[in-house]
C-alpha atoms as a PDB file:
ATOM      1  CA  MET A   1     -82.702 201.707 235.114  1.00  0.00           C
ATOM      2  CA  ASN A   2     -85.306 203.094 232.718  1.00  0.00           C
ATOM      3  CA  TRP A   3     -84.555 204.625 229.351  1.00  0.00           C
ATOM      4  CA  TRP A   4     -85.281 208.350 229.340  1.00  0.00           C
ATOM      5  CA  ARG A   5     -83.707 209.776 226.168  1.00  0.00           C
ATOM      6  CA  LYS A   6     -85.821 210.796 223.186  1.00  0.00           C
ATOM      7  CA  ASP A   7     -83.042 210.125 220.673  1.00  0.00           C
ATOM      8  CA  LEU A   8     -79.901 208.093 220.064  1.00  0.00           C
ATOM      9  CA  LEU A   9     -77.408 210.479 218.490  1.00  0.00           C
ATOM     10  CA  GLY A  10     -74.111 208.972 219.616  1.00  0.00           C
ATOM     11  CA  LEU A  11     -72.331 207.047 222.330  1.00  0.00           C
ATOM     12  CA  GLU A  12     -70.274 209.976 223.557  1.00  0.00           C
ATOM     13  CA  GLN A  13     -73.159 211.222 225.690  1.00  0.00           C
ATOM     14  CA  LEU A  14     -74.365 207.813 226.910  1.00  0.00           C
ATOM     15  CA  SER A  15     -73.422 206.398 230.295  1.00  0.00           C
ATOM     16  CA  ARG A  16     -72.072 202.911 230.900  1.00  0.00           C
ATOM     17  CA  GLU A  17     -75.455 201.981 232.387  1.00  0.00           C
ATOM     18  CA  GLU A  18     -77.347 203.175 229.321  1.00  0.00           C
ATOM     19  CA  ILE A  19     -75.094 201.222 226.988  1.00  0.00           C
ATOM     20  CA  ASN A  20     -75.547 198.072 229.057  1.00  0.00           C
ATOM     21  CA  LEU A  21     -79.306 198.620 229.069  1.00  0.00           C
ATOM     22  CA  ILE A  22     -79.334 198.609 225.261  1.00  0.00           C
ATOM     23  CA  LEU A  23     -77.151 195.491 225.111  1.00  0.00           C
ATOM     24  CA  ASP A  24     -79.290 193.700 227.715  1.00  0.00           C
ATOM     25  CA  THR A  25     -82.478 194.580 225.828  1.00  0.00           C
ATOM     26  CA  ALA A  26     -81.013 193.151 222.623  1.00  0.00           C
ATOM     27  CA  ILE A  27     -80.723 189.656 224.141  1.00  0.00           C
ATOM     28  CA  PRO A  28     -84.449 188.744 223.921  1.00  0.00           C
ATOM     29  CA  MET A  29     -84.617 190.546 220.577  1.00  0.00           C
ATOM     30  CA  LYS A  30     -82.053 188.151 219.152  1.00  0.00           C
ATOM     31  CA  ASP A  31     -84.253 185.253 220.230  1.00  0.00           C
ATOM     32  CA  ILE A  32     -86.998 186.716 218.037  1.00  0.00           C
ATOM     33  CA  VAL A  33     -84.623 187.123 215.081  1.00  0.00           C
ATOM     34  CA  GLN A  34     -83.541 183.476 215.301  1.00  0.00           C
ATOM     35  CA  ARG A  35     -86.949 181.840 215.528  1.00  0.00           C
ATOM     36  CA  ASP A  36     -88.962 180.583 212.562  1.00  0.00           C
ATOM     37  CA  ILE A  37     -91.719 183.190 212.732  1.00  0.00           C
ATOM     38  CA  LYS A  38     -90.014 186.554 213.164  1.00  0.00           C
ATOM     39  CA  LYS A  39     -93.016 188.686 213.994  1.00  0.00           C
ATOM     40  CA  VAL A  40     -94.143 190.254 217.262  1.00  0.00           C
ATOM     41  CA  PRO A  41     -96.735 192.984 217.879  1.00  0.00           C
ATOM     42  CA  THR A  42     -94.554 195.132 220.143  1.00  0.00           C
ATOM     43  CA  LEU A  43     -94.553 198.174 217.835  1.00  0.00           C
ATOM     44  CA  ARG A  44     -97.897 197.660 216.157  1.00  0.00           C
ATOM     45  CA  GLY A  45     -99.278 201.009 215.053  1.00  0.00           C
ATOM     46  CA  ARG A  46     -95.881 202.736 215.176  1.00  0.00           C
ATOM     47  CA  THR A  47     -94.196 204.188 212.093  1.00  0.00           C
ATOM     48  CA  VAL A  48     -90.446 204.069 211.494  1.00  0.00           C
ATOM     49  CA  VAL A  49     -88.978 206.137 208.654  1.00  0.00           C
ATOM     50  CA  ASN A  50     -85.512 205.377 207.291  1.00  0.00           C
ATOM     51  CA  LEU A  51     -84.188 208.635 205.813  1.00  0.00           C
ATOM     52  CA  PHE A  52     -80.893 207.930 204.071  1.00  0.00           C
ATOM     53  CA  TYR A  53     -78.941 210.678 202.356  1.00  0.00           C
ATOM     54  CA  GLU A  54     -76.069 208.256 201.693  1.00  0.00           C
ATOM     55  CA  PRO A  55     -76.138 204.801 200.080  1.00  0.00           C
ATOM     56  CA  SER A  56     -76.471 201.897 202.463  1.00  0.00           C
ATOM     57  CA  THR A  57     -77.476 198.266 202.252  1.00  0.00           C
ATOM     58  CA  ARG A  58     -76.642 196.652 205.587  1.00  0.00           C
ATOM     59  CA  THR A  59     -77.683 199.446 207.930  1.00  0.00           C
ATOM     60  CA  ARG A  60     -80.866 200.443 206.122  1.00  0.00           C
ATOM     61  CA  THR A  61     -82.005 196.851 205.627  1.00  0.00           C
ATOM     62  CA  SER A  62     -81.202 196.049 209.250  1.00  0.00           C
ATOM     63  CA  PHE A  63     -83.384 198.916 210.499  1.00  0.00           C
ATOM     64  CA  GLU A  64     -86.144 197.971 208.073  1.00  0.00           C
ATOM     65  CA  LEU A  65     -86.180 194.362 209.273  1.00  0.00           C
ATOM     66  CA  ALA A  66     -85.973 195.450 212.915  1.00  0.00           C
ATOM     67  CA  GLY A  67     -89.106 197.539 212.497  1.00  0.00           C
ATOM     68  CA  LYS A  68     -91.005 194.888 210.558  1.00  0.00           C
ATOM     69  CA  TYR A  69     -90.106 192.087 212.961  1.00  0.00           C
ATOM     70  CA  MET A  70     -91.669 194.169 215.746  1.00  0.00           C
ATOM     71  CA  GLY A  71     -94.834 194.967 213.820  1.00  0.00           C
ATOM     72  CA  ALA A  72     -94.082 198.610 212.936  1.00  0.00           C
ATOM     73  CA  ASN A  73     -94.933 200.318 209.679  1.00  0.00           C
ATOM     74  CA  THR A  74     -91.580 200.975 208.003  1.00  0.00           C
ATOM     75  CA  VAL A  75     -90.932 203.473 205.222  1.00  0.00           C
ATOM     76  CA  ASN A  76     -87.657 203.871 203.328  1.00  0.00           C
ATOM     77  CA  ILE A  77     -86.871 207.230 201.767  1.00  0.00           C
ATOM     78  CA  SER A  78     -84.044 207.492 199.276  1.00  0.00           C
ATOM     79  CA  THR A  79     -83.179 211.142 198.847  1.00  0.00           C
ATOM     80  CA  GLY A  80     -82.322 210.594 195.194  1.00  0.00           C
ATOM     81  CA  SER A  81     -86.012 210.062 194.472  1.00  0.00           C
ATOM     82  CA  SER A  82     -87.445 212.526 196.976  1.00  0.00           C
ATOM     83  CA  SER A  83     -88.069 216.267 197.186  1.00  0.00           C
ATOM     84  CA  VAL A  84     -84.502 216.689 198.427  1.00  0.00           C
ATOM     85  CA  VAL A  85     -83.352 216.755 194.813  1.00  0.00           C
ATOM     86  CA  LYS A  86     -85.711 219.706 194.328  1.00  0.00           C
ATOM     87  CA  GLY A  87     -83.972 221.643 197.077  1.00  0.00           C
ATOM     88  CA  GLU A  88     -86.001 220.733 200.141  1.00  0.00           C
ATOM     89  CA  SER A  89     -84.004 221.304 203.335  1.00  0.00           C
ATOM     90  CA  LEU A  90     -83.355 218.693 206.007  1.00  0.00           C
ATOM     91  CA  LYS A  91     -85.559 220.562 208.478  1.00  0.00           C
ATOM     92  CA  ASP A  92     -88.430 220.833 205.986  1.00  0.00           C
ATOM     93  CA  THR A  93     -88.178 217.131 205.165  1.00  0.00           C
ATOM     94  CA  ALA A  94     -88.202 216.319 208.877  1.00  0.00           C
ATOM     95  CA  LYS A  95     -91.309 218.400 209.527  1.00  0.00           C
ATOM     96  CA  ILE A  96     -93.143 216.742 206.648  1.00  0.00           C
ATOM     97  CA  LEU A  97     -92.298 213.304 208.064  1.00  0.00           C
ATOM     98  CA  GLU A  98     -93.496 214.352 211.487  1.00  0.00           C
ATOM     99  CA  VAL A  99     -96.870 215.652 210.344  1.00  0.00           C
ATOM    100  CA  MET A 100     -97.287 212.413 208.409  1.00  0.00           C
ATOM    101  CA  GLY A 101     -97.099 210.555 211.721  1.00  0.00           C
ATOM    102  CA  ALA A 102     -93.538 209.252 211.979  1.00  0.00           C
ATOM    103  CA  ASP A 103     -92.713 208.002 215.485  1.00  0.00           C
ATOM    104  CA  VAL A 104     -89.044 207.258 214.790  1.00  0.00           C
ATOM    105  CA  VAL A 105     -86.781 208.708 212.101  1.00  0.00           C
ATOM    106  CA  VAL A 106     -83.538 206.894 211.315  1.00  0.00           C
ATOM    107  CA  ILE A 107     -81.119 209.174 209.482  1.00  0.00           C
ATOM    108  CA  ARG A 108     -77.846 208.706 207.660  1.00  0.00           C
ATOM    109  CA  HIS A 109     -76.223 211.861 206.344  1.00  0.00           C
ATOM    110  CA  SER A 110     -72.827 212.937 205.043  1.00  0.00           C
ATOM    111  CA  MET A 111     -72.794 215.992 207.347  1.00  0.00           C
ATOM    112  CA  ALA A 112     -71.622 215.604 210.919  1.00  0.00           C
ATOM    113  CA  GLY A 113     -74.338 216.881 213.237  1.00  0.00           C
ATOM    114  CA  ALA A 114     -77.240 216.200 210.866  1.00  0.00           C
ATOM    115  CA  ALA A 115     -78.909 213.836 213.334  1.00  0.00           C
ATOM    116  CA  GLN A 116     -78.628 216.482 216.061  1.00  0.00           C
ATOM    117  CA  ILE A 117     -80.304 219.075 213.824  1.00  0.00           C
ATOM    118  CA  LEU A 118     -83.101 216.632 213.046  1.00  0.00           C
ATOM    119  CA  ALA A 119     -83.612 215.762 216.716  1.00  0.00           C
ATOM    120  CA  GLU A 120     -83.932 219.432 217.616  1.00  0.00           C
ATOM    121  CA  THR A 121     -86.492 219.951 214.845  1.00  0.00           C
ATOM    122  CA  VAL A 122     -88.985 217.129 215.398  1.00  0.00           C
ATOM    123  CA  SER A 123     -90.724 215.558 218.379  1.00  0.00           C
ATOM    124  CA  ALA A 124     -90.275 212.090 216.873  1.00  0.00           C
ATOM    125  CA  SER A 125     -87.376 210.002 218.164  1.00  0.00           C
ATOM    126  CA  VAL A 126     -84.246 210.211 216.013  1.00  0.00           C
ATOM    127  CA  ILE A 127     -81.629 207.495 215.577  1.00  0.00           C
ATOM    128  CA  ASN A 128     -78.276 208.373 214.074  1.00  0.00           C
ATOM    129  CA  ALA A 129     -77.358 205.787 211.442  1.00  0.00           C
ATOM    130  CA  GLY A 130     -74.115 207.599 210.645  1.00  0.00           C
ATOM    131  CA  ASP A 131     -73.384 211.324 210.316  1.00  0.00           C
ATOM    132  CA  GLY A 132     -70.288 212.315 208.391  1.00  0.00           C
ATOM    133  CA  ILE A 133     -67.154 211.248 210.218  1.00  0.00           C
ATOM    134  CA  HIS A 134     -68.788 211.930 213.590  1.00  0.00           C
ATOM    135  CA  GLU A 135     -70.469 208.762 214.910  1.00  0.00           C
ATOM    136  CA  HIS A 136     -72.191 205.526 213.898  1.00  0.00           C
ATOM    137  CA  PRO A 137     -73.584 204.458 217.277  1.00  0.00           C
ATOM    138  CA  THR A 138     -75.644 201.446 216.238  1.00  0.00           C
ATOM    139  CA  GLN A 139     -72.654 199.848 214.507  1.00  0.00           C
ATOM    140  CA  ALA A 140     -70.595 200.214 217.681  1.00  0.00           C
ATOM    141  CA  LEU A 141     -73.435 198.825 219.781  1.00  0.00           C
ATOM    142  CA  LEU A 142     -73.716 195.712 217.629  1.00  0.00           C
ATOM    143  CA  ASP A 143     -69.940 195.320 217.778  1.00  0.00           C
ATOM    144  CA  MET A 144     -70.030 195.497 221.574  1.00  0.00           C
ATOM    145  CA  PHE A 145     -73.003 193.135 221.733  1.00  0.00           C
ATOM    146  CA  THR A 146     -71.068 190.624 219.610  1.00  0.00           C
ATOM    147  CA  ILE A 147     -67.965 190.898 221.781  1.00  0.00           C
ATOM    148  CA  ARG A 148     -69.903 190.590 225.029  1.00  0.00           C
ATOM    149  CA  GLU A 149     -71.935 187.657 223.701  1.00  0.00           C
ATOM    150  CA  GLU A 150     -68.783 185.720 222.830  1.00  0.00           C
ATOM    151  CA  LYS A 151     -66.471 186.830 225.652  1.00  0.00           C
ATOM    152  CA  GLY A 152     -69.026 187.253 228.445  1.00  0.00           C
ATOM    153  CA  ASN A 153     -67.686 190.676 229.386  1.00  0.00           C
ATOM    154  CA  ILE A 154     -65.923 193.652 227.788  1.00  0.00           C
ATOM    155  CA  SER A 155     -64.104 195.049 230.802  1.00  0.00           C
ATOM    156  CA  GLY A 156     -60.412 194.183 230.716  1.00  0.00           C
ATOM    157  CA  LEU A 157     -60.316 193.175 227.046  1.00  0.00           C
ATOM    158  CA  THR A 158     -57.789 194.614 224.608  1.00  0.00           C
ATOM    159  CA  VAL A 159     -59.490 195.707 221.381  1.00  0.00           C
ATOM    160  CA  THR A 160     -57.338 196.696 218.403  1.00  0.00           C
ATOM    161  CA  ILE A 161     -58.917 198.748 215.604  1.00  0.00           C
ATOM    162  CA  VAL A 162     -57.048 198.723 212.289  1.00  0.00           C
ATOM    163  CA  GLY A 163     -57.373 201.025 209.294  1.00  0.00           C
ATOM    164  CA  ASP A 164     -58.608 204.491 208.387  1.00  0.00           C
ATOM    165  CA  ILE A 165     -58.975 205.903 211.875  1.00  0.00           C
ATOM    166  CA  LEU A 166     -59.075 209.488 210.590  1.00  0.00           C
ATOM    167  CA  HIS A 167     -62.299 209.240 208.598  1.00  0.00           C
ATOM    168  CA  SER A 168     -64.144 206.461 210.418  1.00  0.00           C
ATOM    169  CA  ARG A 169     -67.337 207.232 212.337  1.00  0.00           C
ATOM    170  CA  VAL A 170     -67.367 203.575 213.429  1.00  0.00           C
ATOM    171  CA  VAL A 171     -64.072 204.119 215.285  1.00  0.00           C
ATOM    172  CA  ARG A 172     -65.337 207.116 217.188  1.00  0.00           C
ATOM    173  CA  SER A 173     -68.444 205.382 218.436  1.00  0.00           C
ATOM    174  CA  ASN A 174     -66.496 202.258 219.354  1.00  0.00           C
ATOM    175  CA  ILE A 175     -63.907 204.255 221.275  1.00  0.00           C
ATOM    176  CA  TRP A 176     -66.607 205.983 223.325  1.00  0.00           C
ATOM    177  CA  GLY A 177     -68.487 202.766 223.979  1.00  0.00           C
ATOM    178  CA  LEU A 178     -65.651 200.320 224.560  1.00  0.00           C
ATOM    179  CA  THR A 179     -63.713 202.578 226.918  1.00  0.00           C
ATOM    180  CA  LYS A 180     -66.839 203.242 228.984  1.00  0.00           C
ATOM    181  CA  LEU A 181     -67.302 199.486 229.340  1.00  0.00           C
ATOM    182  CA  GLY A 182     -63.715 199.062 230.537  1.00  0.00           C
ATOM    183  CA  ALA A 183     -61.895 197.878 227.425  1.00  0.00           C
ATOM    184  CA  ARG A 184     -58.350 198.853 226.509  1.00  0.00           C
ATOM    185  CA  VAL A 185     -58.490 200.244 222.971  1.00  0.00           C
ATOM    186  CA  ARG A 186     -55.628 200.391 220.493  1.00  0.00           C
ATOM    187  CA  VAL A 187     -55.745 202.063 217.083  1.00  0.00           C
ATOM    188  CA  VAL A 188     -53.297 201.317 214.291  1.00  0.00           C
ATOM    189  CA  GLY A 189     -52.909 202.458 210.699  1.00  0.00           C
ATOM    190  CA  PRO A 190     -50.794 204.547 208.353  1.00  0.00           C
ATOM    191  CA  PRO A 191     -49.644 207.829 209.947  1.00  0.00           C
ATOM    192  CA  THR A 192     -51.680 209.753 207.352  1.00  0.00           C
ATOM    193  CA  LEU A 193     -54.846 208.008 208.581  1.00  0.00           C
ATOM    194  CA  ILE A 194     -54.337 208.547 212.322  1.00  0.00           C
ATOM    195  CA  PRO A 195     -55.840 211.845 213.567  1.00  0.00           C
ATOM    196  CA  CYS A 196     -53.698 214.093 215.738  1.00  0.00           C
ATOM    197  CA  GLY A 197     -54.654 213.974 219.391  1.00  0.00           C
ATOM    198  CA  ILE A 198     -56.734 210.791 219.246  1.00  0.00           C
ATOM    199  CA  GLU A 199     -54.778 209.503 222.242  1.00  0.00           C
ATOM    200  CA  ASN A 200     -56.664 212.127 224.252  1.00  0.00           C
ATOM    201  CA  LEU A 201     -59.726 209.865 223.917  1.00  0.00           C
ATOM    202  CA  GLY A 202     -57.974 207.262 226.043  1.00  0.00           C
ATOM    203  CA  VAL A 203     -56.632 205.021 223.279  1.00  0.00           C
ATOM    204  CA  GLU A 204     -53.154 203.730 222.482  1.00  0.00           C
ATOM    205  CA  VAL A 205     -51.743 204.654 219.068  1.00  0.00           C
ATOM    206  CA  TYR A 206     -49.644 202.255 216.987  1.00  0.00           C
ATOM    207  CA  TYR A 207     -48.218 202.445 213.480  1.00  0.00           C
ATOM    208  CA  SER A 208     -46.950 198.851 213.343  1.00  0.00           C
ATOM    209  CA  LEU A 209     -49.751 196.314 212.902  1.00  0.00           C
ATOM    210  CA  GLU A 210     -47.640 193.493 214.264  1.00  0.00           C
ATOM    211  CA  GLU A 211     -46.940 195.364 217.499  1.00  0.00           C
ATOM    212  CA  ALA A 212     -50.580 196.336 217.917  1.00  0.00           C
ATOM    213  CA  LEU A 213     -51.857 192.785 217.457  1.00  0.00           C
ATOM    214  CA  VAL A 214     -49.776 191.227 220.235  1.00  0.00           C
ATOM    215  CA  GLY A 215     -52.046 190.441 223.187  1.00  0.00           C
ATOM    216  CA  SER A 216     -55.260 191.512 221.457  1.00  0.00           C
ATOM    217  CA  ASP A 217     -58.541 189.875 222.482  1.00  0.00           C
ATOM    218  CA  VAL A 218     -60.481 191.482 219.626  1.00  0.00           C
ATOM    219  CA  VAL A 219     -59.313 192.828 216.264  1.00  0.00           C
ATOM    220  CA  MET A 220     -61.593 195.116 214.300  1.00  0.00           C
ATOM    221  CA  ALA A 221     -60.621 195.897 210.713  1.00  0.00           C
ATOM    222  CA  LEU A 222     -62.157 198.946 209.033  1.00  0.00           C
ATOM    223  CA  ARG A 223     -63.172 199.165 205.402  1.00  0.00           C
ATOM    224  CA  ILE A 224     -60.713 201.151 203.302  1.00  0.00           C
ATOM    225  CA  GLN A 225     -62.538 203.586 201.059  1.00  0.00           C
ATOM    226  CA  LYS A 226     -60.811 203.624 197.697  1.00  0.00           C
ATOM    227  CA  GLU A 227     -61.282 207.369 197.301  1.00  0.00           C
ATOM    228  CA  ARG A 228     -58.748 207.810 200.110  1.00  0.00           C
ATOM    229  CA  GLN A 229     -56.075 206.392 197.820  1.00  0.00           C
ATOM    230  CA  LYS A 230     -56.940 208.991 195.181  1.00  0.00           C
ATOM    231  CA  LYS A 231     -56.229 211.697 197.760  1.00  0.00           C
ATOM    232  CA  GLY A 232     -52.730 210.306 198.258  1.00  0.00           C
ATOM    233  CA  LEU A 233     -53.233 209.233 201.868  1.00  0.00           C
ATOM    234  CA  PHE A 234     -51.527 205.921 201.142  1.00  0.00           C
ATOM    235  CA  PRO A 235     -49.616 204.770 198.034  1.00  0.00           C
ATOM    236  CA  SER A 236     -51.864 201.931 196.817  1.00  0.00           C
ATOM    237  CA  LEU A 237     -54.283 199.270 197.972  1.00  0.00           C
ATOM    238  CA  ARG A 238     -51.560 196.698 197.441  1.00  0.00           C
ATOM    239  CA  GLU A 239     -49.204 198.656 199.687  1.00  0.00           C
ATOM    240  CA  TYR A 240     -51.897 199.053 202.335  1.00  0.00           C
ATOM    241  CA  ALA A 241     -52.600 195.313 202.280  1.00  0.00           C
ATOM    242  CA  ARG A 242     -48.892 194.546 202.582  1.00  0.00           C
ATOM    243  CA  LEU A 243     -48.511 196.681 205.697  1.00  0.00           C
ATOM    244  CA  TYR A 244     -51.935 196.580 207.356  1.00  0.00           C
ATOM    245  CA  GLY A 245     -53.916 193.718 205.833  1.00  0.00           C
ATOM    246  CA  ILE A 246     -54.879 191.032 208.355  1.00  0.00           C
ATOM    247  CA  THR A 247     -53.722 187.582 207.336  1.00  0.00           C
ATOM    248  CA  ARG A 248     -53.695 184.268 209.162  1.00  0.00           C
ATOM    249  CA  GLU A 249     -50.047 184.778 210.106  1.00  0.00           C
ATOM    250  CA  ARG A 250     -50.684 188.232 211.531  1.00  0.00           C
ATOM    251  CA  LEU A 251     -53.839 187.209 213.376  1.00  0.00           C
ATOM    252  CA  ALA A 252     -51.775 184.495 215.064  1.00  0.00           C
ATOM    253  CA  LEU A 253     -49.902 187.288 216.876  1.00  0.00           C
ATOM    254  CA  ALA A 254     -53.061 188.043 218.849  1.00  0.00           C
ATOM    255  CA  LYS A 255     -54.440 185.794 221.567  1.00  0.00           C
ATOM    256  CA  PRO A 256     -55.501 182.311 220.380  1.00  0.00           C
ATOM    257  CA  ASP A 257     -59.176 183.045 221.061  1.00  0.00           C
ATOM    258  CA  CYS A 258     -59.070 186.505 219.470  1.00  0.00           C
ATOM    259  CA  LEU A 259     -62.253 187.615 217.693  1.00  0.00           C
ATOM    260  CA  LEU A 260     -62.151 189.237 214.260  1.00  0.00           C
ATOM    261  CA  LEU A 261     -64.742 191.927 213.458  1.00  0.00           C
ATOM    262  CA  HIS A 262     -65.420 194.071 210.392  1.00  0.00           C
ATOM    263  CA  PRO A 263     -68.315 196.501 209.790  1.00  0.00           C
ATOM    264  CA  GLY A 264     -68.614 195.429 206.143  1.00  0.00           C
ATOM    265  CA  PRO A 265     -68.538 195.306 203.265  1.00  0.00           C
ATOM    266  CA  VAL A 266     -65.112 193.656 203.195  1.00  0.00           C
ATOM    267  CA  ASN A 267     -62.546 194.445 200.525  1.00  0.00           C
ATOM    268  CA  ARG A 268     -61.065 190.958 200.386  1.00  0.00           C
ATOM    269  CA  GLY A 269     -57.333 190.982 199.944  1.00  0.00           C
ATOM    270  CA  VAL A 270     -57.105 194.538 201.282  1.00  0.00           C
ATOM    271  CA  GLU A 271     -58.311 194.716 204.904  1.00  0.00           C
ATOM    272  CA  LEU A 272     -58.651 190.953 205.324  1.00  0.00           C
ATOM    273  CA  SER A 273     -57.496 187.872 203.518  1.00  0.00           C
ATOM    274  CA  SER A 274     -60.327 185.546 202.535  1.00  0.00           C
ATOM    275  CA  GLU A 275     -58.819 182.924 204.824  1.00  0.00           C
ATOM    276  CA  VAL A 276     -59.419 185.004 207.947  1.00  0.00           C
ATOM    277  CA  ALA A 277     -62.654 186.626 206.724  1.00  0.00           C
ATOM    278  CA  ASP A 278     -64.178 183.147 206.428  1.00  0.00           C
ATOM    279  CA  GLY A 279     -62.271 181.609 209.322  1.00  0.00           C
ATOM    280  CA  ALA A 280     -63.411 180.354 212.712  1.00  0.00           C
ATOM    281  CA  GLN A 281     -62.439 183.578 214.476  1.00  0.00           C
ATOM    282  CA  SER A 282     -64.507 185.766 212.157  1.00  0.00           C
ATOM    283  CA  MET A 283     -67.614 187.314 213.697  1.00  0.00           C
ATOM    284  CA  ILE A 284     -68.672 189.134 210.510  1.00  0.00           C
ATOM    285  CA  ASN A 285     -71.881 187.179 209.846  1.00  0.00           C
ATOM    286  CA  ARG A 286     -72.802 187.193 213.521  1.00  0.00           C
ATOM    287  CA  GLN A 287     -72.403 190.975 213.539  1.00  0.00           C
ATOM    288  CA  VAL A 288     -75.073 191.238 210.837  1.00  0.00           C
ATOM    289  CA  THR A 289     -77.557 189.167 212.842  1.00  0.00           C
ATOM    290  CA  ASN A 290     -76.753 191.043 216.017  1.00  0.00           C
ATOM    291  CA  GLY A 291     -77.251 194.335 214.202  1.00  0.00           C
ATOM    292  CA  VAL A 292     -80.925 193.552 213.711  1.00  0.00           C
ATOM    293  CA  ALA A 293     -81.326 192.596 217.389  1.00  0.00           C
ATOM    294  CA  VAL A 294     -79.616 195.769 218.629  1.00  0.00           C
ATOM    295  CA  ARG A 295     -81.726 197.971 216.372  1.00  0.00           C
ATOM    296  CA  MET A 296     -84.868 196.203 217.565  1.00  0.00           C
ATOM    297  CA  ALA A 297     -83.793 196.971 221.119  1.00  0.00           C
ATOM    298  CA  LEU A 298     -83.355 200.655 220.308  1.00  0.00           C
ATOM    299  CA  LEU A 299     -86.739 200.918 218.633  1.00  0.00           C
ATOM    300  CA  PHE A 300     -88.278 199.293 221.692  1.00  0.00           C
ATOM    301  CA  LEU A 301     -86.541 201.616 224.152  1.00  0.00           C
ATOM    302  CA  LEU A 302     -87.144 204.813 222.173  1.00  0.00           C
ATOM    303  CA  THR A 303     -90.854 204.099 221.836  1.00  0.00           C
ATOM    304  CA  GLY A 304     -91.403 203.646 225.540  1.00  0.00           C
ATOM    305  CA  GLY A 305     -89.983 200.267 226.514  1.00  0.00           C
ATOM    306  CA  ALA A 306     -87.720 199.835 229.517  1.00  0.00           C
ATOM    307  CA  LYS A 307     -85.552 197.177 231.095  1.00  0.00           C
ATOM    308  CA  GLY A 308     -87.657 194.913 233.240  1.00  0.00           C
ATOM    309  CA  GLU A 309     -90.771 195.598 231.217  1.00  0.00           C
ATOM    310  CA  ALA A 310     -92.163 192.525 229.529  1.00  0.00           C
ATOM    311  CA  ILE A 311     -91.363 192.442 225.837  1.00  0.00           C
ATOM    312  CA  ASP A 312     -94.375 191.277 223.881  1.00  0.00           C
ATOM    313  CA  THR A 313     -92.986 188.307 221.982  1.00  0.00           C
ATOM    314  CA  GLY A 314     -96.322 187.290 220.557  1.00  0.00           C
ATOM    315  CA  ARG A 315     -96.374 184.020 222.492  1.00  0.00           C
END
């Protein structure tokens, strides 16, 4: 199939075929990332703008490298040093970027729906790098790419997601994507961090980590944001780690070849013990590499590339 969408706003609206197209396109992109000279002319003359209204290191850097590896002009805009602090609206900022020649705008914003507003405002392609607690589609895509790369297939796997399900945009994107690819998804966490009705998305809800881990092929731990503790959603980080932290003993309840994922950064001793974070089952570093490949694939597809079309590798 050919890619036809102007934007990538979330995985809820994507089909199984579209998701697989992105993952398939990321395979040759990873080859580029892993070679000595990481530079191809595929996006020469294109301009990619990273517009981040929230702090980010991994995601922003990953998009920046993805653009540069493919020969694009990349521009990073931190709203703390832009006209946003002077009161410029999101739509006005978007229009300015467009008339300056941006081909792709990558946006992270604290408001759910911000990427949708941007996409409706500009003719440039828009990629959602996280909007409020709505979606974080590229994180889910790199998670799925990592799982498929290691397991060969996603259909039939049991994936258990542990942590702050209520506030996580990573969870929402992963639920949409993994279920469409045939995975069985479990979510587990403190009752205060499990949203009402999430089972309507086709997931199984657990409150006991030990029960949820049994039979799991993949375990994904979410970062606990410390401000949640200040709101009284769980007693303390120590208490959370005691009940929901993944240790070597708990991971042993899952299947022997279970993969361990985490979107990063890891709060060691809270979500994961250092032993498992650095262990053989941990895919955390591979996720970072795969994130660049997946974002390269998206830039390629959104600027006119399609499956089956030769990717200019510069060789």
